[in-house]
N, C-alpha and C. Protein backbone atom coordinates (compact mmCIF):
# COMPACT_ATOMS: atom_id res chain seq x y z
N UNK A 1 -5.97 25.04 5.48
CA UNK A 1 -4.78 25.13 4.64
C UNK A 1 -5.06 26.10 3.50
N UNK A 2 -4.20 27.10 3.34
CA UNK A 2 -4.45 28.14 2.35
C UNK A 2 -4.19 27.63 0.93
N UNK A 3 -5.01 28.14 0.01
CA UNK A 3 -4.89 27.75 -1.39
C UNK A 3 -3.54 28.16 -1.96
N UNK A 4 -3.01 29.29 -1.50
CA UNK A 4 -1.71 29.76 -2.00
C UNK A 4 -0.60 28.77 -1.67
N UNK A 5 -0.69 28.11 -0.51
CA UNK A 5 0.30 27.11 -0.12
C UNK A 5 0.23 25.90 -1.02
N UNK A 6 -0.99 25.46 -1.29
CA UNK A 6 -1.18 24.32 -2.18
C UNK A 6 -0.66 24.65 -3.58
N UNK A 7 -0.95 25.87 -4.04
CA UNK A 7 -0.50 26.29 -5.37
C UNK A 7 1.02 26.35 -5.43
N UNK A 8 1.65 26.83 -4.37
CA UNK A 8 3.11 26.92 -4.34
C UNK A 8 3.73 25.52 -4.39
N UNK A 9 3.15 24.59 -3.62
CA UNK A 9 3.66 23.22 -3.65
C UNK A 9 3.46 22.60 -5.03
N UNK A 10 2.28 22.83 -5.62
CA UNK A 10 2.02 22.27 -6.94
C UNK A 10 3.03 22.78 -7.97
N UNK A 11 3.37 24.05 -7.90
CA UNK A 11 4.33 24.63 -8.85
C UNK A 11 5.68 23.94 -8.73
N UNK A 12 6.13 23.73 -7.49
CA UNK A 12 7.43 23.09 -7.27
C UNK A 12 7.39 21.63 -7.72
N UNK A 13 6.36 20.92 -7.30
CA UNK A 13 6.28 19.50 -7.62
C UNK A 13 6.09 19.27 -9.12
N UNK A 14 5.31 20.14 -9.77
CA UNK A 14 5.08 19.98 -11.20
C UNK A 14 6.37 20.18 -11.99
N UNK A 15 7.19 21.13 -11.56
CA UNK A 15 8.48 21.33 -12.22
C UNK A 15 9.36 20.10 -12.05
N UNK A 16 9.30 19.47 -10.89
CA UNK A 16 10.08 18.25 -10.66
C UNK A 16 9.58 17.11 -11.54
N UNK A 17 8.25 17.03 -11.72
CA UNK A 17 7.68 15.99 -12.57
C UNK A 17 8.14 16.15 -14.01
N UNK A 18 8.31 17.40 -14.44
CA UNK A 18 8.70 17.68 -15.82
C UNK A 18 10.17 17.36 -16.09
N UNK A 19 10.96 17.16 -15.04
CA UNK A 19 12.37 16.81 -15.22
C UNK A 19 12.48 15.32 -15.54
N UNK A 20 13.02 14.96 -16.71
CA UNK A 20 13.12 13.54 -17.07
C UNK A 20 13.93 12.75 -16.05
N UNK A 21 13.49 11.54 -15.81
CA UNK A 21 14.18 10.67 -14.87
C UNK A 21 13.70 9.25 -15.03
N UNK A 22 13.75 8.48 -13.95
CA UNK A 22 13.37 7.07 -14.01
C UNK A 22 11.90 6.90 -14.40
N UNK A 23 11.03 7.75 -13.88
CA UNK A 23 9.60 7.66 -14.21
C UNK A 23 9.38 7.89 -15.70
N UNK A 24 10.03 8.90 -16.24
CA UNK A 24 9.93 9.18 -17.68
C UNK A 24 10.40 7.98 -18.48
N UNK A 25 11.55 7.44 -18.11
CA UNK A 25 12.12 6.31 -18.85
C UNK A 25 11.15 5.13 -18.85
N UNK A 26 10.53 4.86 -17.71
CA UNK A 26 9.59 3.73 -17.64
C UNK A 26 8.33 4.01 -18.46
N UNK A 27 7.85 5.25 -18.42
CA UNK A 27 6.67 5.61 -19.21
C UNK A 27 6.97 5.49 -20.71
N UNK A 28 8.16 5.91 -21.11
CA UNK A 28 8.55 5.80 -22.52
C UNK A 28 8.65 4.33 -22.93
N UNK A 29 9.26 3.51 -22.07
CA UNK A 29 9.37 2.09 -22.36
C UNK A 29 8.00 1.46 -22.52
N UNK A 30 7.08 1.80 -21.62
CA UNK A 30 5.73 1.25 -21.71
C UNK A 30 5.04 1.71 -23.00
N UNK A 31 5.26 2.96 -23.37
CA UNK A 31 4.65 3.48 -24.58
C UNK A 31 5.13 2.76 -25.82
N UNK A 32 6.39 2.32 -25.80
CA UNK A 32 6.97 1.66 -26.97
C UNK A 32 6.67 0.16 -27.00
N UNK A 33 6.57 -0.47 -25.85
CA UNK A 33 6.47 -1.93 -25.81
C UNK A 33 5.07 -2.47 -25.56
N UNK A 34 4.23 -1.68 -24.89
CA UNK A 34 2.94 -2.21 -24.46
C UNK A 34 1.78 -1.70 -25.30
N UNK A 35 0.65 -2.39 -25.21
CA UNK A 35 -0.55 -1.96 -25.93
C UNK A 35 -1.09 -0.65 -25.37
N UNK A 36 -0.93 -0.46 -24.07
CA UNK A 36 -1.41 0.75 -23.41
C UNK A 36 -0.45 1.13 -22.29
N UNK A 37 -0.34 2.41 -22.00
CA UNK A 37 0.56 2.86 -20.93
C UNK A 37 -0.14 2.88 -19.58
N UNK A 38 -1.44 2.63 -19.56
CA UNK A 38 -2.21 2.80 -18.32
C UNK A 38 -1.73 1.91 -17.17
N UNK A 39 -1.43 0.61 -17.37
CA UNK A 39 -0.94 -0.19 -16.24
C UNK A 39 0.37 0.35 -15.67
N UNK A 40 1.29 0.75 -16.56
CA UNK A 40 2.58 1.29 -16.10
C UNK A 40 2.38 2.59 -15.34
N UNK A 41 1.58 3.49 -15.89
CA UNK A 41 1.32 4.77 -15.21
C UNK A 41 0.56 4.53 -13.91
N UNK A 42 -0.36 3.57 -13.94
CA UNK A 42 -1.08 3.24 -12.70
C UNK A 42 -0.13 2.77 -11.61
N UNK A 43 0.89 2.00 -12.00
CA UNK A 43 1.88 1.57 -11.02
C UNK A 43 2.70 2.72 -10.48
N UNK A 44 3.11 3.64 -11.38
CA UNK A 44 3.85 4.83 -10.94
C UNK A 44 3.02 5.64 -9.94
N UNK A 45 1.74 5.80 -10.26
CA UNK A 45 0.84 6.56 -9.37
C UNK A 45 0.69 5.84 -8.04
N UNK A 46 0.57 4.51 -8.08
CA UNK A 46 0.42 3.73 -6.84
C UNK A 46 1.64 3.91 -5.94
N UNK A 47 2.82 4.00 -6.55
CA UNK A 47 4.03 4.23 -5.77
C UNK A 47 3.97 5.54 -5.02
N UNK A 48 3.46 6.58 -5.67
CA UNK A 48 3.36 7.88 -5.01
C UNK A 48 2.26 7.90 -3.95
N UNK A 49 1.18 7.17 -4.20
CA UNK A 49 0.15 7.06 -3.17
C UNK A 49 0.73 6.36 -1.94
N UNK A 50 1.55 5.33 -2.19
CA UNK A 50 2.19 4.64 -1.08
C UNK A 50 3.14 5.54 -0.30
N UNK A 51 3.92 6.37 -1.01
CA UNK A 51 4.81 7.31 -0.33
C UNK A 51 4.01 8.33 0.48
N UNK A 52 2.87 8.76 -0.06
CA UNK A 52 2.02 9.68 0.67
C UNK A 52 1.54 9.04 1.97
N UNK A 53 1.12 7.79 1.89
CA UNK A 53 0.66 7.08 3.08
C UNK A 53 1.77 6.93 4.11
N UNK A 54 2.99 6.70 3.63
CA UNK A 54 4.14 6.56 4.53
C UNK A 54 4.39 7.86 5.29
N UNK A 55 4.31 8.98 4.56
CA UNK A 55 4.54 10.28 5.22
C UNK A 55 3.40 10.59 6.19
N UNK A 56 2.16 10.28 5.79
CA UNK A 56 1.01 10.50 6.67
C UNK A 56 1.17 9.70 7.96
N UNK A 57 1.75 8.51 7.84
CA UNK A 57 1.93 7.65 9.02
C UNK A 57 3.02 8.16 9.96
N UNK A 58 3.74 9.21 9.53
CA UNK A 58 4.73 9.81 10.41
C UNK A 58 6.15 9.36 10.17
N UNK A 59 6.38 8.60 9.09
CA UNK A 59 7.73 8.11 8.81
C UNK A 59 8.67 9.27 8.46
N UNK A 60 8.11 10.33 7.86
CA UNK A 60 8.95 11.48 7.51
C UNK A 60 9.63 12.06 8.75
N UNK A 61 8.88 12.14 9.85
CA UNK A 61 9.46 12.65 11.09
C UNK A 61 10.56 11.73 11.60
N UNK A 62 10.35 10.43 11.45
CA UNK A 62 11.37 9.46 11.87
C UNK A 62 12.64 9.61 11.04
N UNK A 63 12.46 9.77 9.73
CA UNK A 63 13.61 9.93 8.85
C UNK A 63 14.35 11.22 9.16
N UNK A 64 13.59 12.30 9.41
CA UNK A 64 14.21 13.58 9.73
C UNK A 64 15.06 13.48 10.99
N UNK A 65 14.65 12.62 11.92
CA UNK A 65 15.39 12.47 13.17
C UNK A 65 16.51 11.45 13.09
N UNK A 66 16.61 10.75 11.95
CA UNK A 66 17.64 9.73 11.80
C UNK A 66 18.26 9.82 10.42
N UNK A 67 19.35 10.57 10.28
CA UNK A 67 20.01 10.69 8.97
C UNK A 67 20.41 9.33 8.39
N UNK A 68 20.68 8.34 9.25
CA UNK A 68 21.07 7.02 8.77
C UNK A 68 19.94 6.38 7.96
N UNK A 69 18.70 6.56 8.41
CA UNK A 69 17.56 5.98 7.69
C UNK A 69 17.45 6.59 6.30
N UNK A 70 17.59 7.92 6.22
CA UNK A 70 17.51 8.58 4.92
C UNK A 70 18.66 8.14 4.02
N UNK A 71 19.84 7.96 4.60
CA UNK A 71 20.99 7.50 3.82
C UNK A 71 20.74 6.12 3.24
N UNK A 72 20.18 5.22 4.06
CA UNK A 72 19.87 3.87 3.58
C UNK A 72 18.85 3.92 2.45
N UNK A 73 17.79 4.71 2.64
CA UNK A 73 16.75 4.82 1.61
C UNK A 73 17.32 5.39 0.32
N UNK A 74 18.14 6.41 0.43
CA UNK A 74 18.72 7.03 -0.75
C UNK A 74 19.68 6.06 -1.45
N UNK A 75 20.42 5.28 -0.67
CA UNK A 75 21.35 4.31 -1.26
C UNK A 75 20.59 3.23 -2.02
N UNK A 76 19.53 2.71 -1.40
CA UNK A 76 18.71 1.69 -2.07
C UNK A 76 18.10 2.26 -3.35
N UNK A 77 17.56 3.48 -3.24
CA UNK A 77 16.96 4.11 -4.41
C UNK A 77 17.97 4.36 -5.52
N UNK A 78 19.16 4.81 -5.15
CA UNK A 78 20.21 5.07 -6.14
C UNK A 78 20.65 3.76 -6.80
N UNK A 79 20.78 2.71 -6.01
CA UNK A 79 21.16 1.41 -6.57
C UNK A 79 20.11 0.90 -7.55
N UNK A 80 18.85 1.07 -7.20
CA UNK A 80 17.77 0.65 -8.09
C UNK A 80 17.79 1.48 -9.37
N UNK A 81 18.11 2.76 -9.24
CA UNK A 81 18.19 3.63 -10.41
C UNK A 81 19.31 3.15 -11.35
N UNK A 82 20.45 2.78 -10.79
CA UNK A 82 21.55 2.26 -11.61
C UNK A 82 21.13 0.97 -12.31
N UNK A 83 20.45 0.10 -11.59
CA UNK A 83 19.98 -1.16 -12.16
C UNK A 83 19.03 -0.93 -13.32
N UNK A 84 18.10 0.00 -13.16
CA UNK A 84 17.18 0.34 -14.24
C UNK A 84 17.94 0.92 -15.43
N UNK A 85 18.91 1.79 -15.14
CA UNK A 85 19.69 2.40 -16.22
C UNK A 85 20.49 1.39 -17.00
N UNK A 86 21.11 0.45 -16.31
CA UNK A 86 21.88 -0.60 -16.99
C UNK A 86 20.94 -1.43 -17.87
N UNK A 87 19.74 -1.72 -17.37
CA UNK A 87 18.77 -2.46 -18.15
C UNK A 87 18.38 -1.72 -19.42
N UNK A 88 18.21 -0.40 -19.31
CA UNK A 88 17.85 0.40 -20.48
C UNK A 88 18.99 0.44 -21.49
N UNK A 89 20.23 0.43 -21.00
CA UNK A 89 21.38 0.47 -21.89
C UNK A 89 21.58 -0.87 -22.62
N UNK A 90 21.38 -1.96 -21.91
CA UNK A 90 21.63 -3.27 -22.50
C UNK A 90 20.43 -3.81 -23.28
N UNK A 91 19.22 -3.36 -22.90
CA UNK A 91 18.01 -3.82 -23.60
C UNK A 91 17.15 -2.62 -23.96
N UNK A 92 17.62 -1.78 -24.87
CA UNK A 92 16.87 -0.57 -25.22
C UNK A 92 15.52 -0.90 -25.83
N UNK A 93 14.51 -0.09 -25.51
CA UNK A 93 13.16 -0.31 -26.00
C UNK A 93 13.07 -0.02 -27.49
N UNK A 94 12.28 -0.83 -28.16
CA UNK A 94 11.97 -0.59 -29.56
C UNK A 94 10.46 -0.71 -29.72
N UNK A 95 9.88 -0.03 -30.69
CA UNK A 95 8.43 -0.11 -30.88
C UNK A 95 7.97 -1.54 -31.06
N UNK A 96 6.88 -1.91 -30.41
CA UNK A 96 6.33 -3.25 -30.56
C UNK A 96 5.80 -3.43 -31.97
N UNK A 97 6.09 -4.56 -32.55
CA UNK A 97 5.66 -4.82 -33.91
C UNK A 97 4.15 -4.78 -34.02
N UNK A 98 3.66 -3.91 -34.86
CA UNK A 98 2.22 -3.79 -35.05
C UNK A 98 1.49 -3.26 -33.85
N UNK A 99 2.27 -2.83 -32.83
CA UNK A 99 1.63 -2.30 -31.62
C UNK A 99 0.91 -3.35 -30.80
N UNK A 100 1.16 -4.65 -31.10
CA UNK A 100 0.39 -5.70 -30.44
C UNK A 100 1.18 -6.50 -29.42
N UNK A 101 2.49 -6.36 -29.43
CA UNK A 101 3.31 -7.16 -28.52
C UNK A 101 3.26 -6.58 -27.12
N UNK A 102 3.58 -7.43 -26.16
CA UNK A 102 3.58 -6.98 -24.77
C UNK A 102 4.67 -7.71 -24.03
N UNK A 103 5.31 -7.03 -23.09
CA UNK A 103 6.43 -7.63 -22.36
C UNK A 103 6.00 -8.29 -21.06
N UNK A 104 4.73 -8.22 -20.70
CA UNK A 104 4.31 -8.82 -19.45
C UNK A 104 2.87 -8.47 -19.14
N UNK A 105 2.37 -9.06 -18.06
CA UNK A 105 0.99 -8.82 -17.66
C UNK A 105 0.83 -7.39 -17.14
N UNK A 106 -0.41 -6.95 -17.11
CA UNK A 106 -0.69 -5.61 -16.57
C UNK A 106 -0.24 -5.50 -15.12
N UNK A 107 -0.44 -6.58 -14.35
CA UNK A 107 -0.04 -6.55 -12.94
C UNK A 107 1.47 -6.40 -12.82
N UNK A 108 2.21 -7.11 -13.65
CA UNK A 108 3.67 -7.00 -13.60
C UNK A 108 4.12 -5.59 -13.95
N UNK A 109 3.51 -5.00 -14.96
CA UNK A 109 3.84 -3.63 -15.34
C UNK A 109 3.55 -2.67 -14.19
N UNK A 110 2.40 -2.86 -13.54
CA UNK A 110 2.01 -1.97 -12.44
C UNK A 110 2.95 -2.11 -11.25
N UNK A 111 3.31 -3.35 -10.92
CA UNK A 111 4.20 -3.59 -9.79
C UNK A 111 5.57 -2.96 -10.04
N UNK A 112 6.08 -3.13 -11.28
CA UNK A 112 7.37 -2.52 -11.60
C UNK A 112 7.27 -1.00 -11.53
N UNK A 113 6.15 -0.44 -12.02
CA UNK A 113 5.96 1.01 -11.96
C UNK A 113 5.96 1.52 -10.53
N UNK A 114 5.31 0.76 -9.63
CA UNK A 114 5.29 1.15 -8.22
C UNK A 114 6.69 1.14 -7.63
N UNK A 115 7.50 0.16 -8.05
CA UNK A 115 8.88 0.11 -7.57
C UNK A 115 9.71 1.26 -8.11
N UNK A 116 9.48 1.61 -9.39
CA UNK A 116 10.23 2.71 -10.00
C UNK A 116 9.97 4.02 -9.27
N UNK A 117 8.70 4.32 -9.02
CA UNK A 117 8.38 5.60 -8.35
C UNK A 117 8.63 5.53 -6.85
N UNK A 118 8.32 4.40 -6.23
CA UNK A 118 8.48 4.29 -4.79
C UNK A 118 9.91 4.33 -4.33
N UNK A 119 10.85 3.91 -5.20
CA UNK A 119 12.28 3.91 -4.85
C UNK A 119 13.07 4.99 -5.58
N UNK A 120 12.35 5.87 -6.27
CA UNK A 120 13.01 6.95 -7.00
C UNK A 120 13.61 7.94 -5.99
N UNK A 121 14.93 8.14 -6.01
CA UNK A 121 15.53 9.07 -5.03
C UNK A 121 14.92 10.46 -5.07
N UNK A 122 14.58 10.95 -6.26
CA UNK A 122 13.97 12.27 -6.37
C UNK A 122 12.63 12.29 -5.64
N UNK A 123 11.87 11.22 -5.77
CA UNK A 123 10.57 11.14 -5.10
C UNK A 123 10.75 11.03 -3.59
N UNK A 124 11.74 10.24 -3.17
CA UNK A 124 11.99 10.10 -1.74
C UNK A 124 12.31 11.44 -1.09
N UNK A 125 13.14 12.24 -1.76
CA UNK A 125 13.47 13.55 -1.23
C UNK A 125 12.25 14.46 -1.20
N UNK A 126 11.45 14.41 -2.26
CA UNK A 126 10.26 15.26 -2.34
C UNK A 126 9.30 14.94 -1.21
N UNK A 127 9.01 13.66 -1.02
CA UNK A 127 7.99 13.28 -0.05
C UNK A 127 8.49 13.31 1.39
N UNK A 128 9.74 12.91 1.60
CA UNK A 128 10.24 12.81 2.98
C UNK A 128 10.85 14.10 3.50
N UNK A 129 11.33 14.95 2.59
CA UNK A 129 12.01 16.18 3.04
C UNK A 129 11.27 17.45 2.65
N UNK A 130 10.81 17.52 1.40
CA UNK A 130 10.23 18.77 0.92
C UNK A 130 8.75 18.91 1.27
N UNK A 131 7.99 17.86 1.07
CA UNK A 131 6.54 17.95 1.25
C UNK A 131 6.13 18.45 2.64
N UNK A 132 6.70 17.93 3.74
CA UNK A 132 6.29 18.41 5.07
C UNK A 132 6.53 19.90 5.29
N UNK A 133 7.45 20.51 4.52
CA UNK A 133 7.74 21.93 4.70
C UNK A 133 6.60 22.82 4.23
N UNK A 134 5.68 22.27 3.43
CA UNK A 134 4.55 23.05 2.94
C UNK A 134 3.31 22.90 3.83
N UNK A 135 3.43 22.20 4.92
CA UNK A 135 2.31 22.08 5.85
C UNK A 135 2.31 23.27 6.81
N UNK A 136 1.16 23.54 7.38
CA UNK A 136 0.99 24.66 8.30
C UNK A 136 0.52 24.13 9.65
N UNK A 137 1.40 24.14 10.66
CA UNK A 137 1.01 23.62 11.97
C UNK A 137 -0.18 24.36 12.59
N UNK A 138 -0.38 25.63 12.19
CA UNK A 138 -1.47 26.41 12.76
C UNK A 138 -2.77 26.31 11.99
N UNK A 139 -2.78 25.55 10.91
CA UNK A 139 -3.98 25.42 10.09
C UNK A 139 -5.02 24.55 10.79
N UNK A 140 -6.30 24.79 10.49
CA UNK A 140 -7.35 23.96 11.10
C UNK A 140 -7.32 22.51 10.62
N UNK A 141 -6.71 22.28 9.48
CA UNK A 141 -6.60 20.91 8.97
C UNK A 141 -5.57 20.14 9.79
N UNK A 142 -5.81 18.87 10.09
CA UNK A 142 -4.79 18.04 10.75
C UNK A 142 -3.58 17.88 9.82
N UNK A 143 -2.42 17.62 10.41
CA UNK A 143 -1.20 17.44 9.64
C UNK A 143 -1.36 16.33 8.60
N UNK A 144 -1.96 15.22 9.01
CA UNK A 144 -2.13 14.09 8.10
C UNK A 144 -2.97 14.47 6.89
N UNK A 145 -4.02 15.25 7.10
CA UNK A 145 -4.89 15.66 5.99
C UNK A 145 -4.14 16.59 5.03
N UNK A 146 -3.31 17.47 5.57
CA UNK A 146 -2.52 18.36 4.72
C UNK A 146 -1.54 17.56 3.85
N UNK A 147 -0.87 16.59 4.47
CA UNK A 147 0.08 15.75 3.75
C UNK A 147 -0.64 14.97 2.65
N UNK A 148 -1.80 14.42 3.00
CA UNK A 148 -2.56 13.63 2.03
C UNK A 148 -2.96 14.49 0.83
N UNK A 149 -3.41 15.72 1.09
CA UNK A 149 -3.81 16.61 0.00
C UNK A 149 -2.63 16.93 -0.91
N UNK A 150 -1.50 17.30 -0.31
CA UNK A 150 -0.32 17.65 -1.10
C UNK A 150 0.19 16.45 -1.89
N UNK A 151 0.17 15.28 -1.25
CA UNK A 151 0.60 14.08 -1.94
C UNK A 151 -0.28 13.76 -3.13
N UNK A 152 -1.59 13.94 -2.99
CA UNK A 152 -2.51 13.67 -4.09
C UNK A 152 -2.36 14.70 -5.20
N UNK A 153 -2.04 15.93 -4.84
CA UNK A 153 -1.79 16.96 -5.86
C UNK A 153 -0.61 16.56 -6.72
N UNK A 154 0.47 16.12 -6.07
CA UNK A 154 1.65 15.69 -6.82
C UNK A 154 1.34 14.45 -7.66
N UNK A 155 0.61 13.51 -7.09
CA UNK A 155 0.27 12.28 -7.78
C UNK A 155 -0.57 12.56 -9.03
N UNK A 156 -1.51 13.50 -8.92
CA UNK A 156 -2.34 13.86 -10.08
C UNK A 156 -1.48 14.42 -11.21
N UNK A 157 -0.51 15.26 -10.87
CA UNK A 157 0.40 15.80 -11.89
C UNK A 157 1.18 14.68 -12.55
N UNK A 158 1.64 13.73 -11.75
CA UNK A 158 2.38 12.59 -12.29
C UNK A 158 1.53 11.80 -13.27
N UNK A 159 0.28 11.54 -12.91
CA UNK A 159 -0.60 10.76 -13.77
C UNK A 159 -0.77 11.42 -15.13
N UNK A 160 -0.98 12.73 -15.13
CA UNK A 160 -1.20 13.45 -16.39
C UNK A 160 0.07 13.48 -17.23
N UNK A 161 1.19 13.86 -16.62
CA UNK A 161 2.44 14.02 -17.36
C UNK A 161 2.94 12.67 -17.89
N UNK A 162 2.93 11.63 -17.06
CA UNK A 162 3.49 10.35 -17.50
C UNK A 162 2.61 9.66 -18.53
N UNK A 163 1.29 9.87 -18.46
CA UNK A 163 0.42 9.36 -19.52
C UNK A 163 0.75 10.05 -20.84
N UNK A 164 0.96 11.36 -20.78
CA UNK A 164 1.31 12.11 -21.99
C UNK A 164 2.67 11.68 -22.53
N UNK A 165 3.62 11.44 -21.64
CA UNK A 165 4.97 11.03 -22.06
C UNK A 165 4.92 9.67 -22.75
N UNK A 166 4.24 8.70 -22.13
CA UNK A 166 4.16 7.37 -22.72
C UNK A 166 3.41 7.37 -24.04
N UNK A 167 2.28 8.07 -24.08
CA UNK A 167 1.50 8.14 -25.31
C UNK A 167 2.27 8.89 -26.40
N UNK A 168 2.95 9.96 -26.00
CA UNK A 168 3.74 10.72 -26.96
C UNK A 168 4.88 9.90 -27.53
N UNK A 169 5.51 9.08 -26.67
CA UNK A 169 6.61 8.22 -27.15
C UNK A 169 6.10 7.26 -28.20
N UNK A 170 4.90 6.69 -27.97
CA UNK A 170 4.33 5.76 -28.94
C UNK A 170 4.10 6.45 -30.28
N UNK A 171 3.57 7.65 -30.25
CA UNK A 171 3.23 8.35 -31.49
C UNK A 171 4.45 8.91 -32.21
N UNK A 172 5.39 9.46 -31.44
CA UNK A 172 6.54 10.11 -32.06
C UNK A 172 7.63 9.10 -32.45
N UNK A 173 7.86 8.11 -31.57
CA UNK A 173 8.96 7.17 -31.81
C UNK A 173 8.50 5.82 -32.34
N UNK A 174 7.18 5.62 -32.41
CA UNK A 174 6.65 4.33 -32.81
C UNK A 174 7.12 3.86 -34.17
N UNK A 175 7.31 4.78 -35.09
CA UNK A 175 7.74 4.42 -36.44
C UNK A 175 9.23 4.66 -36.65
N UNK A 176 9.94 4.92 -35.57
CA UNK A 176 11.37 5.22 -35.66
C UNK A 176 12.15 4.35 -34.66
N UNK A 177 12.36 3.07 -34.98
CA UNK A 177 13.04 2.15 -34.05
C UNK A 177 14.40 2.64 -33.60
N UNK A 178 15.18 3.18 -34.54
CA UNK A 178 16.53 3.64 -34.19
C UNK A 178 16.47 4.80 -33.20
N UNK A 179 15.57 5.72 -33.45
CA UNK A 179 15.41 6.86 -32.54
C UNK A 179 14.91 6.40 -31.18
N UNK A 180 13.99 5.43 -31.17
CA UNK A 180 13.47 4.90 -29.91
C UNK A 180 14.58 4.28 -29.07
N UNK A 181 15.43 3.48 -29.73
CA UNK A 181 16.55 2.87 -28.99
C UNK A 181 17.53 3.92 -28.49
N UNK A 182 17.76 4.96 -29.28
CA UNK A 182 18.69 6.03 -28.87
C UNK A 182 18.14 6.78 -27.66
N UNK A 183 16.84 7.07 -27.67
CA UNK A 183 16.22 7.78 -26.54
C UNK A 183 16.30 6.91 -25.28
N UNK A 184 16.02 5.61 -25.43
CA UNK A 184 16.07 4.72 -24.28
C UNK A 184 17.49 4.63 -23.70
N UNK A 185 18.48 4.51 -24.60
CA UNK A 185 19.87 4.44 -24.12
C UNK A 185 20.28 5.74 -23.43
N UNK A 186 19.82 6.86 -23.97
CA UNK A 186 20.14 8.15 -23.35
C UNK A 186 19.52 8.24 -21.96
N UNK A 187 18.28 7.77 -21.84
CA UNK A 187 17.63 7.76 -20.52
C UNK A 187 18.37 6.84 -19.57
N UNK A 188 18.79 5.67 -20.07
CA UNK A 188 19.54 4.74 -19.23
C UNK A 188 20.85 5.32 -18.76
N UNK A 189 21.55 6.00 -19.67
CA UNK A 189 22.83 6.62 -19.30
C UNK A 189 22.63 7.69 -18.23
N UNK A 190 21.56 8.47 -18.38
CA UNK A 190 21.27 9.52 -17.40
C UNK A 190 20.95 8.91 -16.03
N UNK A 191 20.18 7.80 -16.02
CA UNK A 191 19.84 7.16 -14.75
C UNK A 191 21.08 6.59 -14.07
N UNK A 192 21.95 5.97 -14.86
CA UNK A 192 23.19 5.44 -14.28
C UNK A 192 24.04 6.56 -13.70
N UNK A 193 24.16 7.66 -14.45
CA UNK A 193 24.98 8.79 -13.99
C UNK A 193 24.43 9.37 -12.69
N UNK A 194 23.10 9.57 -12.64
CA UNK A 194 22.49 10.13 -11.43
C UNK A 194 22.61 9.15 -10.28
N UNK A 195 22.36 7.86 -10.54
CA UNK A 195 22.45 6.85 -9.50
C UNK A 195 23.85 6.75 -8.92
N UNK A 196 24.86 6.73 -9.78
CA UNK A 196 26.25 6.65 -9.31
C UNK A 196 26.61 7.90 -8.51
N UNK A 197 26.17 9.07 -8.99
CA UNK A 197 26.46 10.31 -8.26
C UNK A 197 25.84 10.28 -6.86
N UNK A 198 24.61 9.78 -6.78
CA UNK A 198 23.95 9.68 -5.47
C UNK A 198 24.66 8.67 -4.56
N UNK A 199 25.12 7.56 -5.14
CA UNK A 199 25.83 6.57 -4.34
C UNK A 199 27.14 7.14 -3.80
N UNK A 200 27.85 7.87 -4.66
CA UNK A 200 29.09 8.50 -4.22
C UNK A 200 28.82 9.51 -3.13
N UNK A 201 27.72 10.23 -3.26
CA UNK A 201 27.37 11.25 -2.25
C UNK A 201 27.09 10.63 -0.90
N UNK A 202 26.60 9.36 -0.88
CA UNK A 202 26.28 8.71 0.38
C UNK A 202 27.51 8.12 1.08
N UNK A 203 28.64 8.08 0.37
CA UNK A 203 29.85 7.53 0.97
C UNK A 203 30.32 8.41 2.12
N UNK A 204 30.86 7.80 3.16
CA UNK A 204 31.36 8.59 4.28
C UNK A 204 32.45 9.56 3.84
N UNK A 205 32.42 10.77 4.38
CA UNK A 205 33.40 11.77 3.98
C UNK A 205 34.67 11.56 4.66
């Protein structure tokens, strides 16, 4: 597998990671509410590792051959996005008092993070539709190994960016409760808007 192909995929995936969405909103929430963002980011990363494994197992080919499967996945992901957005709107994050409060166990944070990334419609499209296009059937590497490498490249970018986002939220918004709630509500509104748009798009024409 040529290095230029890996670099091209990294450029595309990194730009997608930089676009705020459900992952950003969850990282910001963790930065404001939890003692550390690592469990939340670890969960987000685990979700992407799981998606990589799914594509390696050949599910991407199954989805490509069955538009109904992709429609169902996108609908579930969009519905979950709306649910997360409504939660952000009704229960906006505020800095934890003294930085010591926590909303749940590390395992719970990680599991929720895995759900956020694993059901993120943007991630589903990236892994199930875009990622296989960067593989080379004529390369000496097996298809599964190419997918695994590309998936890990994307996952590494996610780990770095989301850790920075969560930590940055703590430092920048930690002393500004009103600003923190406004940012959370804005993220929630964006998630609801994107989720509803995706749901409408899945409706029969």
